[in-house]
Amino acid sequence: MYFLANENFPLFSIRLLREGGHHVASISEDSSGDKDIVVLKRAYEEKRIILTFDKDYGELIYRHKSFVPAGVVYFRFDPSIPAEPAEILLNILKKDKLSFLGKFTVVERGRIRQRKLY
């Protein structure tokens, strides 16, 4: 899958996702400090799914009708270790076989919710 890791997404998790065969662009590696709207626009243009711990993307997409990326995965918890987000995401992709395309996905420990983006 093609992901865009927001600046708050752990670098170690990015590395694990890449090792798992996913294409992950990283805001913290190549455009640190970009505003959320710039990240949304980039994800839209590159057809990537945003990985984030920032709840503001929901408001930008649904309320302000900003750019709509390929998908958003919003992790709604503080990771206990830097690998935790990647481990959870890889487990979801392997076991649950959920599609993140066209969806705003909220991931909590033990719970996943999805809503259509369009």
PDB file of N, CA and C in Angstrom:
ATOM      1  N   MET A   1       0.840  -1.176   0.000  1.00  0.00           N
ATOM      2  CA  MET A   1       0.000   0.000   0.000  1.00  0.00           C
ATOM      3  C   MET A   1       0.886   1.241   0.000  1.00  0.00           C
ATOM      4  N   TYR A   2       0.295   2.349  -0.374  1.00  0.00           N
ATOM      5  CA  TYR A   2       1.003   3.625  -0.413  1.00  0.00           C
ATOM      6  C   TYR A   2       0.499   4.503   0.727  1.00  0.00           C
ATOM      7  N   PHE A   3       1.389   4.775   1.669  1.00  0.00           N
ATOM      8  CA  PHE A   3       1.056   5.550   2.854  1.00  0.00           C
ATOM      9  C   PHE A   3       1.852   6.852   2.885  1.00  0.00           C
ATOM     10  N   LEU A   4       1.310   7.812   3.611  1.00  0.00           N
ATOM     11  CA  LEU A   4       2.020   9.054   3.923  1.00  0.00           C
ATOM     12  C   LEU A   4       1.960   9.204   5.435  1.00  0.00           C
ATOM     13  N   ALA A   5       3.100   8.997   6.085  1.00  0.00           N
ATOM     14  CA  ALA A   5       3.163   9.079   7.543  1.00  0.00           C
ATOM     15  C   ALA A   5       3.283  10.533   7.969  1.00  0.00           C
ATOM     16  N   ASN A   6       2.342  10.972   8.773  1.00  0.00           N
ATOM     17  CA  ASN A   6       2.371  12.324   9.302  1.00  0.00           C
ATOM     18  C   ASN A   6       3.597  12.484  10.209  1.00  0.00           C
ATOM     19  N   GLU A   7       3.935  13.705  10.501  1.00  0.00           N
ATOM     20  CA  GLU A   7       5.142  13.995  11.280  1.00  0.00           C
ATOM     21  C   GLU A   7       5.127  13.338  12.666  1.00  0.00           C
ATOM     22  N   ASN A   8       3.956  13.082  13.209  1.00  0.00           N
ATOM     23  CA  ASN A   8       3.857  12.502  14.545  1.00  0.00           C
ATOM     24  C   ASN A   8       3.919  10.971  14.544  1.00  0.00           C
ATOM     25  N   PHE A   9       4.082  10.374  13.394  1.00  0.00           N
ATOM     26  CA  PHE A   9       4.122   8.913  13.291  1.00  0.00           C
ATOM     27  C   PHE A   9       5.556   8.436  13.533  1.00  0.00           C
ATOM     28  N   PRO A  10       5.754   7.461  14.434  1.00  0.00           N
ATOM     29  CA  PRO A  10       7.112   7.041  14.805  1.00  0.00           C
ATOM     30  C   PRO A  10       7.948   6.518  13.634  1.00  0.00           C
ATOM     31  N   LEU A  11       9.184   6.976  13.562  1.00  0.00           N
ATOM     32  CA  LEU A  11      10.097   6.531  12.497  1.00  0.00           C
ATOM     33  C   LEU A  11      10.328   5.030  12.528  1.00  0.00           C
ATOM     34  N   PHE A  12      10.363   4.452  13.715  1.00  0.00           N
ATOM     35  CA  PHE A  12      10.565   3.006  13.796  1.00  0.00           C
ATOM     36  C   PHE A  12       9.398   2.256  13.157  1.00  0.00           C
ATOM     37  N   SER A  13       8.175   2.751  13.341  1.00  0.00           N
ATOM     38  CA  SER A  13       7.008   2.132  12.708  1.00  0.00           C
ATOM     39  C   SER A  13       7.061   2.296  11.201  1.00  0.00           C
ATOM     40  N   ILE A  14       7.544   3.439  10.732  1.00  0.00           N
ATOM     41  CA  ILE A  14       7.697   3.649   9.289  1.00  0.00           C
ATOM     42  C   ILE A  14       8.644   2.600   8.722  1.00  0.00           C
ATOM     43  N   ARG A  15       9.745   2.392   9.407  1.00  0.00           N
ATOM     44  CA  ARG A  15      10.736   1.402   8.967  1.00  0.00           C
ATOM     45  C   ARG A  15      10.124   0.000   8.910  1.00  0.00           C
ATOM     46  N   LEU A  16       9.338  -0.377   9.933  1.00  0.00           N
ATOM     47  CA  LEU A  16       8.699  -1.691   9.952  1.00  0.00           C
ATOM     48  C   LEU A  16       7.706  -1.858   8.801  1.00  0.00           C
ATOM     49  N   LEU A  17       6.959  -0.818   8.502  1.00  0.00           N
ATOM     50  CA  LEU A  17       6.010  -0.883   7.387  1.00  0.00           C
ATOM     51  C   LEU A  17       6.749  -1.041   6.060  1.00  0.00           C
ATOM     52  N   ARG A  18       7.847  -0.333   5.898  1.00  0.00           N
ATOM     53  CA  ARG A  18       8.648  -0.464   4.681  1.00  0.00           C
ATOM     54  C   ARG A  18       9.207  -1.876   4.559  1.00  0.00           C
ATOM     55  N   GLU A  19       9.700  -2.411   5.660  1.00  0.00           N
ATOM     56  CA  GLU A  19      10.220  -3.787   5.656  1.00  0.00           C
ATOM     57  C   GLU A  19       9.121  -4.784   5.318  1.00  0.00           C
ATOM     58  N   GLY A  20       7.864  -4.427   5.624  1.00  0.00           N
ATOM     59  CA  GLY A  20       6.713  -5.264   5.302  1.00  0.00           C
ATOM     60  C   GLY A  20       6.248  -5.120   3.859  1.00  0.00           C
ATOM     61  N   GLY A  21       6.978  -4.324   3.075  1.00  0.00           N
ATOM     62  CA  GLY A  21       6.666  -4.195   1.654  1.00  0.00           C
ATOM     63  C   GLY A  21       5.775  -3.031   1.281  1.00  0.00           C
ATOM     64  N   HIS A  22       5.499  -2.142   2.215  1.00  0.00           N
ATOM     65  CA  HIS A  22       4.634  -0.997   1.925  1.00  0.00           C
ATOM     66  C   HIS A  22       5.469   0.225   1.551  1.00  0.00           C
ATOM     67  N   HIS A  23       4.920   1.050   0.689  1.00  0.00           N
ATOM     68  CA  HIS A  23       5.580   2.284   0.265  1.00  0.00           C
ATOM     69  C   HIS A  23       5.137   3.379   1.225  1.00  0.00           C
ATOM     70  N   VAL A  24       6.061   3.854   2.037  1.00  0.00           N
ATOM     71  CA  VAL A  24       5.727   4.859   3.047  1.00  0.00           C
ATOM     72  C   VAL A  24       6.580   6.102   2.844  1.00  0.00           C
ATOM     73  N   ALA A  25       5.907   7.192   2.481  1.00  0.00           N
ATOM     74  CA  ALA A  25       6.564   8.502   2.456  1.00  0.00           C
ATOM     75  C   ALA A  25       6.401   9.079   3.857  1.00  0.00           C
ATOM     76  N   SER A  26       7.366   9.881   4.272  1.00  0.00           N
ATOM     77  CA  SER A  26       7.367  10.369   5.643  1.00  0.00           C
ATOM     78  C   SER A  26       7.546  11.878   5.698  1.00  0.00           C
ATOM     79  N   ILE A  27       6.588  12.552   6.299  1.00  0.00           N
ATOM     80  CA  ILE A  27       6.665  14.000   6.467  1.00  0.00           C
ATOM     81  C   ILE A  27       7.887  14.361   7.308  1.00  0.00           C
ATOM     82  N   SER A  28       8.147  13.624   8.373  1.00  0.00           N
ATOM     83  CA  SER A  28       9.277  13.956   9.242  1.00  0.00           C
ATOM     84  C   SER A  28      10.620  13.772   8.546  1.00  0.00           C
ATOM     85  N   GLU A  29      10.686  12.928   7.533  1.00  0.00           N
ATOM     86  CA  GLU A  29      11.939  12.708   6.814  1.00  0.00           C
ATOM     87  C   GLU A  29      12.166  13.694   5.678  1.00  0.00           C
ATOM     88  N   ASP A  30      11.077  14.129   5.037  1.00  0.00           N
ATOM     89  CA  ASP A  30      11.310  14.946   3.841  1.00  0.00           C
ATOM     90  C   ASP A  30      10.625  16.306   3.798  1.00  0.00           C
ATOM     91  N   SER A  31       9.729  16.590   4.723  1.00  0.00           N
ATOM     92  CA  SER A  31       9.096  17.917   4.705  1.00  0.00           C
ATOM     93  C   SER A  31       8.576  18.296   6.091  1.00  0.00           C
ATOM     94  N   SER A  32       9.428  18.157   7.064  1.00  0.00           N
ATOM     95  CA  SER A  32       9.087  18.454   8.450  1.00  0.00           C
ATOM     96  C   SER A  32       8.523  19.868   8.587  1.00  0.00           C
ATOM     97  N   GLY A  33       7.487  19.982   9.383  1.00  0.00           N
ATOM     98  CA  GLY A  33       6.883  21.290   9.623  1.00  0.00           C
ATOM     99  C   GLY A  33       5.725  21.627   8.708  1.00  0.00           C
ATOM    100  N   ASP A  34       5.427  20.773   7.723  1.00  0.00           N
ATOM    101  CA  ASP A  34       4.296  21.050   6.827  1.00  0.00           C
ATOM    102  C   ASP A  34       2.991  21.120   7.610  1.00  0.00           C
ATOM    103  N   LYS A  35       2.152  22.050   7.246  1.00  0.00           N
ATOM    104  CA  LYS A  35       0.831  22.192   7.852  1.00  0.00           C
ATOM    105  C   LYS A  35      -0.058  21.035   7.395  1.00  0.00           C
ATOM    106  N   ASP A  36      -1.107  20.754   8.180  1.00  0.00           N
ATOM    107  CA  ASP A  36      -2.008  19.637   7.867  1.00  0.00           C
ATOM    108  C   ASP A  36      -2.607  19.739   6.471  1.00  0.00           C
ATOM    109  N   ILE A  37      -2.967  20.936   6.047  1.00  0.00           N
ATOM    110  CA  ILE A  37      -3.578  21.099   4.725  1.00  0.00           C
ATOM    111  C   ILE A  37      -2.590  20.742   3.619  1.00  0.00           C
ATOM    112  N   VAL A  38      -1.311  21.020   3.824  1.00  0.00           N
ATOM    113  CA  VAL A  38      -0.271  20.675   2.853  1.00  0.00           C
ATOM    114  C   VAL A  38      -0.095  19.155   2.805  1.00  0.00           C
ATOM    115  N   VAL A  39      -0.158  18.523   3.966  1.00  0.00           N
ATOM    116  CA  VAL A  39      -0.061  17.061   4.034  1.00  0.00           C
ATOM    117  C   VAL A  39      -1.258  16.435   3.313  1.00  0.00           C
ATOM    118  N   LEU A  40      -2.452  16.969   3.545  1.00  0.00           N
ATOM    119  CA  LEU A  40      -3.654  16.476   2.860  1.00  0.00           C
ATOM    120  C   LEU A  40      -3.522  16.602   1.346  1.00  0.00           C
ATOM    121  N   LYS A  41      -3.059  17.744   0.897  1.00  0.00           N
ATOM    122  CA  LYS A  41      -2.911  17.967  -0.538  1.00  0.00           C
ATOM    123  C   LYS A  41      -1.910  16.984  -1.132  1.00  0.00           C
ATOM    124  N   ARG A  42      -0.794  16.776  -0.444  1.00  0.00           N
ATOM    125  CA  ARG A  42       0.212  15.830  -0.936  1.00  0.00           C
ATOM    126  C   ARG A  42      -0.359  14.414  -1.015  1.00  0.00           C
ATOM    127  N   ALA A  43      -1.062  13.994   0.035  1.00  0.00           N
ATOM    128  CA  ALA A  43      -1.665  12.659   0.032  1.00  0.00           C
ATOM    129  C   ALA A  43      -2.668  12.524  -1.108  1.00  0.00           C
ATOM    130  N   TYR A  44      -3.436  13.577  -1.348  1.00  0.00           N
ATOM    131  CA  TYR A  44      -4.400  13.586  -2.453  1.00  0.00           C
ATOM    132  C   TYR A  44      -3.677  13.449  -3.792  1.00  0.00           C
ATOM    133  N   GLU A  45      -2.662  14.251  -4.006  1.00  0.00           N
ATOM    134  CA  GLU A  45      -1.935  14.240  -5.282  1.00  0.00           C
ATOM    135  C   GLU A  45      -1.191  12.927  -5.514  1.00  0.00           C
ATOM    136  N   GLU A  46      -0.652  12.345  -4.452  1.00  0.00           N
ATOM    137  CA  GLU A  46       0.128  11.112  -4.580  1.00  0.00           C
ATOM    138  C   GLU A  46      -0.713   9.856  -4.360  1.00  0.00           C
ATOM    139  N   LYS A  47      -2.014  10.042  -4.118  1.00  0.00           N
ATOM    140  CA  LYS A  47      -2.939   8.929  -3.885  1.00  0.00           C
ATOM    141  C   LYS A  47      -2.452   8.016  -2.756  1.00  0.00           C
ATOM    142  N   ARG A  48      -2.135   8.654  -1.626  1.00  0.00           N
ATOM    143  CA  ARG A  48      -1.623   7.931  -0.459  1.00  0.00           C
ATOM    144  C   ARG A  48      -2.622   7.972   0.692  1.00  0.00           C
ATOM    145  N   ILE A  49      -2.494   7.005   1.578  1.00  0.00           N
ATOM    146  CA  ILE A  49      -3.292   6.921   2.793  1.00  0.00           C
ATOM    147  C   ILE A  49      -2.482   7.557   3.918  1.00  0.00           C
ATOM    148  N   ILE A  50      -3.065   8.531   4.588  1.00  0.00           N
ATOM    149  CA  ILE A  50      -2.381   9.226   5.674  1.00  0.00           C
ATOM    150  C   ILE A  50      -2.392   8.368   6.940  1.00  0.00           C
ATOM    151  N   LEU A  51      -1.238   8.271   7.590  1.00  0.00           N
ATOM    152  CA  LEU A  51      -1.108   7.623   8.899  1.00  0.00           C
ATOM    153  C   LEU A  51      -0.836   8.726   9.906  1.00  0.00           C
ATOM    154  N   THR A  52      -1.691   8.851  10.919  1.00  0.00           N
ATOM    155  CA  THR A  52      -1.554   9.987  11.825  1.00  0.00           C
ATOM    156  C   THR A  52      -2.095   9.709  13.221  1.00  0.00           C
ATOM    157  N   PHE A  53      -1.643  10.523  14.156  1.00  0.00           N
ATOM    158  CA  PHE A  53      -2.194  10.565  15.505  1.00  0.00           C
ATOM    159  C   PHE A  53      -2.942  11.893  15.706  1.00  0.00           C
ATOM    160  N   ASP A  54      -3.146  12.635  14.642  1.00  0.00           N
ATOM    161  CA  ASP A  54      -3.739  13.976  14.671  1.00  0.00           C
ATOM    162  C   ASP A  54      -5.208  13.913  14.263  1.00  0.00           C
ATOM    163  N   LYS A  55      -6.098  14.255  15.172  1.00  0.00           N
ATOM    164  CA  LYS A  55      -7.539  14.182  14.899  1.00  0.00           C
ATOM    165  C   LYS A  55      -8.039  15.290  13.974  1.00  0.00           C
ATOM    166  N   ASP A  56      -7.224  16.296  13.701  1.00  0.00           N
ATOM    167  CA  ASP A  56      -7.655  17.430  12.881  1.00  0.00           C
ATOM    168  C   ASP A  56      -7.996  17.056  11.440  1.00  0.00           C
ATOM    169  N   TYR A  57      -7.502  15.958  10.941  1.00  0.00           N
ATOM    170  CA  TYR A  57      -7.770  15.589   9.547  1.00  0.00           C
ATOM    171  C   TYR A  57      -9.254  15.334   9.300  1.00  0.00           C
ATOM    172  N   GLY A  58      -9.943  14.772  10.262  1.00  0.00           N
ATOM    173  CA  GLY A  58     -11.379  14.555  10.117  1.00  0.00           C
ATOM    174  C   GLY A  58     -12.123  15.860   9.918  1.00  0.00           C
ATOM    175  N   GLU A  59     -11.766  16.857  10.710  1.00  0.00           N
ATOM    176  CA  GLU A  59     -12.415  18.162  10.595  1.00  0.00           C
ATOM    177  C   GLU A  59     -12.090  18.818   9.249  1.00  0.00           C
ATOM    178  N   LEU A  60     -10.840  18.731   8.830  1.00  0.00           N
ATOM    179  CA  LEU A  60     -10.451  19.330   7.547  1.00  0.00           C
ATOM    180  C   LEU A  60     -11.205  18.687   6.381  1.00  0.00           C
ATOM    181  N   ILE A  61     -11.361  17.389   6.430  1.00  0.00           N
ATOM    182  CA  ILE A  61     -12.005  16.677   5.327  1.00  0.00           C
ATOM    183  C   ILE A  61     -13.520  16.845   5.350  1.00  0.00           C
ATOM    184  N   TYR A  62     -14.141  16.585   6.491  1.00  0.00           N
ATOM    185  CA  TYR A  62     -15.607  16.570   6.548  1.00  0.00           C
ATOM    186  C   TYR A  62     -16.236  17.951   6.731  1.00  0.00           C
ATOM    187  N   ARG A  63     -15.656  18.775   7.557  1.00  0.00           N
ATOM    188  CA  ARG A  63     -16.252  20.074   7.845  1.00  0.00           C
ATOM    189  C   ARG A  63     -15.806  21.146   6.860  1.00  0.00           C
ATOM    190  N   HIS A  64     -14.505  21.158   6.544  1.00  0.00           N
ATOM    191  CA  HIS A  64     -13.974  22.206   5.682  1.00  0.00           C
ATOM    192  C   HIS A  64     -13.871  21.795   4.217  1.00  0.00           C
ATOM    193  N   LYS A  65     -14.238  20.563   3.920  1.00  0.00           N
ATOM    194  CA  LYS A  65     -14.258  20.056   2.532  1.00  0.00           C
ATOM    195  C   LYS A  65     -12.909  20.250   1.836  1.00  0.00           C
ATOM    196  N   SER A  66     -11.843  19.931   2.566  1.00  0.00           N
ATOM    197  CA  SER A  66     -10.494  20.042   2.015  1.00  0.00           C
ATOM    198  C   SER A  66     -10.213  18.879   1.073  1.00  0.00           C
ATOM    199  N   PHE A  67      -8.967  18.783   0.649  1.00  0.00           N
ATOM    200  CA  PHE A  67      -8.543  17.687  -0.216  1.00  0.00           C
ATOM    201  C   PHE A  67      -8.896  16.347   0.433  1.00  0.00           C
ATOM    202  N   VAL A  68      -9.334  15.399  -0.389  1.00  0.00           N
ATOM    203  CA  VAL A  68      -9.668  14.076   0.121  1.00  0.00           C
ATOM    204  C   VAL A  68      -8.590  13.098  -0.332  1.00  0.00           C
ATOM    205  N   PRO A  69      -7.801  12.587   0.619  1.00  0.00           N
ATOM    206  CA  PRO A  69      -6.733  11.651   0.264  1.00  0.00           C
ATOM    207  C   PRO A  69      -7.314  10.273  -0.068  1.00  0.00           C
ATOM    208  N   ALA A  70      -6.463   9.336  -0.423  1.00  0.00           N
ATOM    209  CA  ALA A  70      -6.911   7.968  -0.716  1.00  0.00           C
ATOM    210  C   ALA A  70      -7.528   7.325   0.522  1.00  0.00           C
ATOM    211  N   GLY A  71      -7.109   7.781   1.692  1.00  0.00           N
ATOM    212  CA  GLY A  71      -7.626   7.258   2.952  1.00  0.00           C
ATOM    213  C   GLY A  71      -6.905   7.917   4.109  1.00  0.00           C
ATOM    214  N   VAL A  72      -7.446   7.735   5.312  1.00  0.00           N
ATOM    215  CA  VAL A  72      -6.815   8.223   6.527  1.00  0.00           C
ATOM    216  C   VAL A  72      -6.906   7.114   7.566  1.00  0.00           C
ATOM    217  N   VAL A  73      -5.791   6.845   8.230  1.00  0.00           N
ATOM    218  CA  VAL A  73      -5.791   5.947   9.380  1.00  0.00           C
ATOM    219  C   VAL A  73      -5.364   6.795  10.574  1.00  0.00           C
ATOM    220  N   TYR A  74      -6.331   7.041  11.445  1.00  0.00           N
ATOM    221  CA  TYR A  74      -6.112   7.874  12.631  1.00  0.00           C
ATOM    222  C   TYR A  74      -5.966   6.953  13.837  1.00  0.00           C
ATOM    223  N   PHE A  75      -4.787   6.962  14.423  1.00  0.00           N
ATOM    224  CA  PHE A  75      -4.508   6.152  15.603  1.00  0.00           C
ATOM    225  C   PHE A  75      -4.909   6.972  16.826  1.00  0.00           C
ATOM    226  N   ARG A  76      -5.904   6.481  17.528  1.00  0.00           N
ATOM    227  CA  ARG A  76      -6.465   7.235  18.654  1.00  0.00           C
ATOM    228  C   ARG A  76      -5.975   6.667  19.988  1.00  0.00           C
ATOM    229  N   PHE A  77      -4.673   6.688  20.171  1.00  0.00           N
ATOM    230  CA  PHE A  77      -4.048   6.256  21.414  1.00  0.00           C
ATOM    231  C   PHE A  77      -2.598   6.715  21.393  1.00  0.00           C
ATOM    232  N   ASP A  78      -1.975   6.728  22.545  1.00  0.00           N
ATOM    233  CA  ASP A  78      -0.549   7.025  22.642  1.00  0.00           C
ATOM    234  C   ASP A  78       0.197   5.697  22.586  1.00  0.00           C
ATOM    235  N   PRO A  79       1.100   5.533  21.626  1.00  0.00           N
ATOM    236  CA  PRO A  79       1.805   4.251  21.534  1.00  0.00           C
ATOM    237  C   PRO A  79       2.697   4.009  22.749  1.00  0.00           C
ATOM    238  N   SER A  80       2.682   2.777  23.224  1.00  0.00           N
ATOM    239  CA  SER A  80       3.517   2.433  24.375  1.00  0.00           C
ATOM    240  C   SER A  80       4.973   2.253  23.958  1.00  0.00           C
ATOM    241  N   ILE A  81       5.190   1.826  22.713  1.00  0.00           N
ATOM    242  CA  ILE A  81       6.532   1.705  22.141  1.00  0.00           C
ATOM    243  C   ILE A  81       6.460   2.176  20.693  1.00  0.00           C
ATOM    244  N   PRO A  82       7.555   2.645  20.100  1.00  0.00           N
ATOM    245  CA  PRO A  82       7.528   3.172  18.737  1.00  0.00           C
ATOM    246  C   PRO A  82       7.072   2.164  17.671  1.00  0.00           C
ATOM    247  N   ALA A  83       7.193   0.886  17.935  1.00  0.00           N
ATOM    248  CA  ALA A  83       6.790  -0.132  16.961  1.00  0.00           C
ATOM    249  C   ALA A  83       5.285  -0.418  16.987  1.00  0.00           C
ATOM    250  N   GLU A  84       4.600  -0.012  18.039  1.00  0.00           N
ATOM    251  CA  GLU A  84       3.197  -0.394  18.218  1.00  0.00           C
ATOM    252  C   GLU A  84       2.277  -0.012  17.057  1.00  0.00           C
ATOM    253  N   PRO A  85       2.331   1.208  16.527  1.00  0.00           N
ATOM    254  CA  PRO A  85       1.425   1.525  15.416  1.00  0.00           C
ATOM    255  C   PRO A  85       1.624   0.609  14.198  1.00  0.00           C
ATOM    256  N   ALA A  86       2.866   0.345  13.842  1.00  0.00           N
ATOM    257  CA  ALA A  86       3.134  -0.536  12.700  1.00  0.00           C
ATOM    258  C   ALA A  86       2.666  -1.945  12.986  1.00  0.00           C
ATOM    259  N   GLU A  87       2.919  -2.438  14.183  1.00  0.00           N
ATOM    260  CA  GLU A  87       2.496  -3.798  14.530  1.00  0.00           C
ATOM    261  C   GLU A  87       0.987  -3.939  14.432  1.00  0.00           C
ATOM    262  N   ILE A  88       0.261  -2.956  14.925  1.00  0.00           N
ATOM    263  CA  ILE A  88      -1.205  -2.987  14.854  1.00  0.00           C
ATOM    264  C   ILE A  88      -1.664  -2.926  13.405  1.00  0.00           C
ATOM    265  N   LEU A  89      -1.093  -1.995  12.631  1.00  0.00           N
ATOM    266  CA  LEU A  89      -1.490  -1.838  11.234  1.00  0.00           C
ATOM    267  C   LEU A  89      -1.181  -3.095  10.420  1.00  0.00           C
ATOM    268  N   LEU A  90       0.003  -3.654  10.586  1.00  0.00           N
ATOM    269  CA  LEU A  90       0.361  -4.877   9.861  1.00  0.00           C
ATOM    270  C   LEU A  90      -0.553  -6.027  10.253  1.00  0.00           C
ATOM    271  N   ASN A  91      -0.927  -6.102  11.510  1.00  0.00           N
ATOM    272  CA  ASN A  91      -1.849  -7.134  11.969  1.00  0.00           C
ATOM    273  C   ASN A  91      -3.230  -6.957  11.331  1.00  0.00           C
ATOM    274  N   ILE A  92      -3.700  -5.719  11.253  1.00  0.00           N
ATOM    275  CA  ILE A  92      -4.994  -5.444  10.618  1.00  0.00           C
ATOM    276  C   ILE A  92      -4.952  -5.861   9.152  1.00  0.00           C
ATOM    277  N   LEU A  93      -3.897  -5.492   8.464  1.00  0.00           N
ATOM    278  CA  LEU A  93      -3.783  -5.816   7.044  1.00  0.00           C
ATOM    279  C   LEU A  93      -3.701  -7.321   6.816  1.00  0.00           C
ATOM    280  N   LYS A  94      -3.045  -8.014   7.707  1.00  0.00           N
ATOM    281  CA  LYS A  94      -2.855  -9.462   7.559  1.00  0.00           C
ATOM    282  C   LYS A  94      -4.105 -10.247   7.967  1.00  0.00           C
ATOM    283  N   LYS A  95      -4.630  -9.961   9.147  1.00  0.00           N
ATOM    284  CA  LYS A  95      -5.731 -10.747   9.696  1.00  0.00           C
ATOM    285  C   LYS A  95      -7.112 -10.266   9.251  1.00  0.00           C
ATOM    286  N   ASP A  96      -7.350  -8.990   9.434  1.00  0.00           N
ATOM    287  CA  ASP A  96      -8.688  -8.468   9.198  1.00  0.00           C
ATOM    288  C   ASP A  96      -8.959  -8.168   7.728  1.00  0.00           C
ATOM    289  N   LYS A  97      -7.900  -7.955   6.977  1.00  0.00           N
ATOM    290  CA  LYS A  97      -8.008  -7.672   5.542  1.00  0.00           C
ATOM    291  C   LYS A  97      -8.981  -6.528   5.249  1.00  0.00           C
ATOM    292  N   LEU A  98      -8.914  -5.506   6.079  1.00  0.00           N
ATOM    293  CA  LEU A  98      -9.738  -4.319   5.854  1.00  0.00           C
ATOM    294  C   LEU A  98      -9.133  -3.482   4.738  1.00  0.00           C
ATOM    295  N   SER A  99      -9.969  -2.784   4.027  1.00  0.00           N
ATOM    296  CA  SER A  99      -9.493  -1.828   3.036  1.00  0.00           C
ATOM    297  C   SER A  99      -9.523  -0.439   3.662  1.00  0.00           C
ATOM    298  N   PHE A 100      -8.448   0.299   3.480  1.00  0.00           N
ATOM    299  CA  PHE A 100      -8.376   1.671   3.978  1.00  0.00           C
ATOM    300  C   PHE A 100      -8.693   2.678   2.880  1.00  0.00           C
ATOM    301  N   LEU A 101      -8.812   2.209   1.644  1.00  0.00           N
ATOM    302  CA  LEU A 101      -9.053   3.103   0.518  1.00  0.00           C
ATOM    303  C   LEU A 101     -10.453   3.704   0.590  1.00  0.00           C
ATOM    304  N   GLY A 102     -10.510   5.031   0.470  1.00  0.00           N
ATOM    305  CA  GLY A 102     -11.790   5.728   0.490  1.00  0.00           C
ATOM    306  C   GLY A 102     -12.435   5.788   1.860  1.00  0.00           C
ATOM    307  N   LYS A 103     -11.644   5.521   2.911  1.00  0.00           N
ATOM    308  CA  LYS A 103     -12.211   5.475   4.249  1.00  0.00           C
ATOM    309  C   LYS A 103     -11.376   6.271   5.246  1.00  0.00           C
ATOM    310  N   PHE A 104     -12.060   6.801   6.250  1.00  0.00           N
ATOM    311  CA  PHE A 104     -11.426   7.396   7.411  1.00  0.00           C
ATOM    312  C   PHE A 104     -11.511   6.320   8.485  1.00  0.00           C
ATOM    313  N   THR A 105     -10.367   5.761   8.841  1.00  0.00           N
ATOM    314  CA  THR A 105     -10.318   4.647   9.779  1.00  0.00           C
ATOM    315  C   THR A 105      -9.773   5.136  11.126  1.00  0.00           C
ATOM    316  N   VAL A 106     -10.491   4.830  12.176  1.00  0.00           N
ATOM    317  CA  VAL A 106     -10.056   5.167  13.527  1.00  0.00           C
ATOM    318  C   VAL A 106      -9.619   3.868  14.195  1.00  0.00           C
ATOM    319  N   VAL A 107      -8.360   3.842  14.614  1.00  0.00           N
ATOM    320  CA  VAL A 107      -7.807   2.652  15.258  1.00  0.00           C
ATOM    321  C   VAL A 107      -7.579   2.956  16.731  1.00  0.00           C
ATOM    322  N   GLU A 108      -8.227   2.170  17.575  1.00  0.00           N
ATOM    323  CA  GLU A 108      -8.009   2.215  19.014  1.00  0.00           C
ATOM    324  C   GLU A 108      -7.533   0.824  19.418  1.00  0.00           C
ATOM    325  N   ARG A 109      -6.979   0.700  20.574  1.00  0.00           N
ATOM    326  CA  ARG A 109      -6.590  -0.638  21.027  1.00  0.00           C
ATOM    327  C   ARG A 109      -7.853  -1.486  21.173  1.00  0.00           C
ATOM    328  N   GLY A 110      -7.935  -2.539  20.391  1.00  0.00           N
ATOM    329  CA  GLY A 110      -9.075  -3.443  20.478  1.00  0.00           C
ATOM    330  C   GLY A 110     -10.312  -3.009  19.726  1.00  0.00           C
ATOM    331  N   ARG A 111     -10.231  -1.922  18.942  1.00  0.00           N
ATOM    332  CA  ARG A 111     -11.428  -1.439  18.225  1.00  0.00           C
ATOM    333  C   ARG A 111     -11.012  -0.670  16.967  1.00  0.00           C
ATOM    334  N   ILE A 112     -11.755  -0.929  15.883  1.00  0.00           N
ATOM    335  CA  ILE A 112     -11.526  -0.222  14.625  1.00  0.00           C
ATOM    336  C   ILE A 112     -12.878   0.246  14.100  1.00  0.00           C
ATOM    337  N   ARG A 113     -12.929   1.524  13.702  1.00  0.00           N
ATOM    338  CA  ARG A 113     -14.150   2.077  13.095  1.00  0.00           C
ATOM    339  C   ARG A 113     -13.784   2.680  11.756  1.00  0.00           C
ATOM    340  N   GLN A 114     -14.707   2.609  10.818  1.00  0.00           N
ATOM    341  CA  GLN A 114     -14.459   3.225   9.504  1.00  0.00           C
ATOM    342  C   GLN A 114     -15.672   4.012   9.050  1.00  0.00           C
ATOM    343  N   ARG A 115     -15.375   5.077   8.302  1.00  0.00           N
ATOM    344  CA  ARG A 115     -16.400   5.937   7.719  1.00  0.00           C
ATOM    345  C   ARG A 115     -15.951   6.284   6.309  1.00  0.00           C
ATOM    346  N   LYS A 116     -16.866   6.323   5.371  1.00  0.00           N
ATOM    347  CA  LYS A 116     -16.500   6.676   3.992  1.00  0.00           C
ATOM    348  C   LYS A 116     -16.029   8.117   3.905  1.00  0.00           C
ATOM    349  N   LEU A 117     -15.041   8.322   3.056  1.00  0.00           N
ATOM    350  CA  LEU A 117     -14.516   9.675   2.850  1.00  0.00           C
ATOM    351  C   LEU A 117     -15.359  10.461   1.848  1.00  0.00           C
ATOM    352  N   TYR A 118     -15.922   9.796   0.877  1.00  0.00           N
ATOM    353  CA  TYR A 118     -16.672  10.521  -0.157  1.00  0.00           C
ATOM    354  C   TYR A 118     -18.143  10.271   0.002  1.00  0.00           C
TER     355      TYR A 118
END
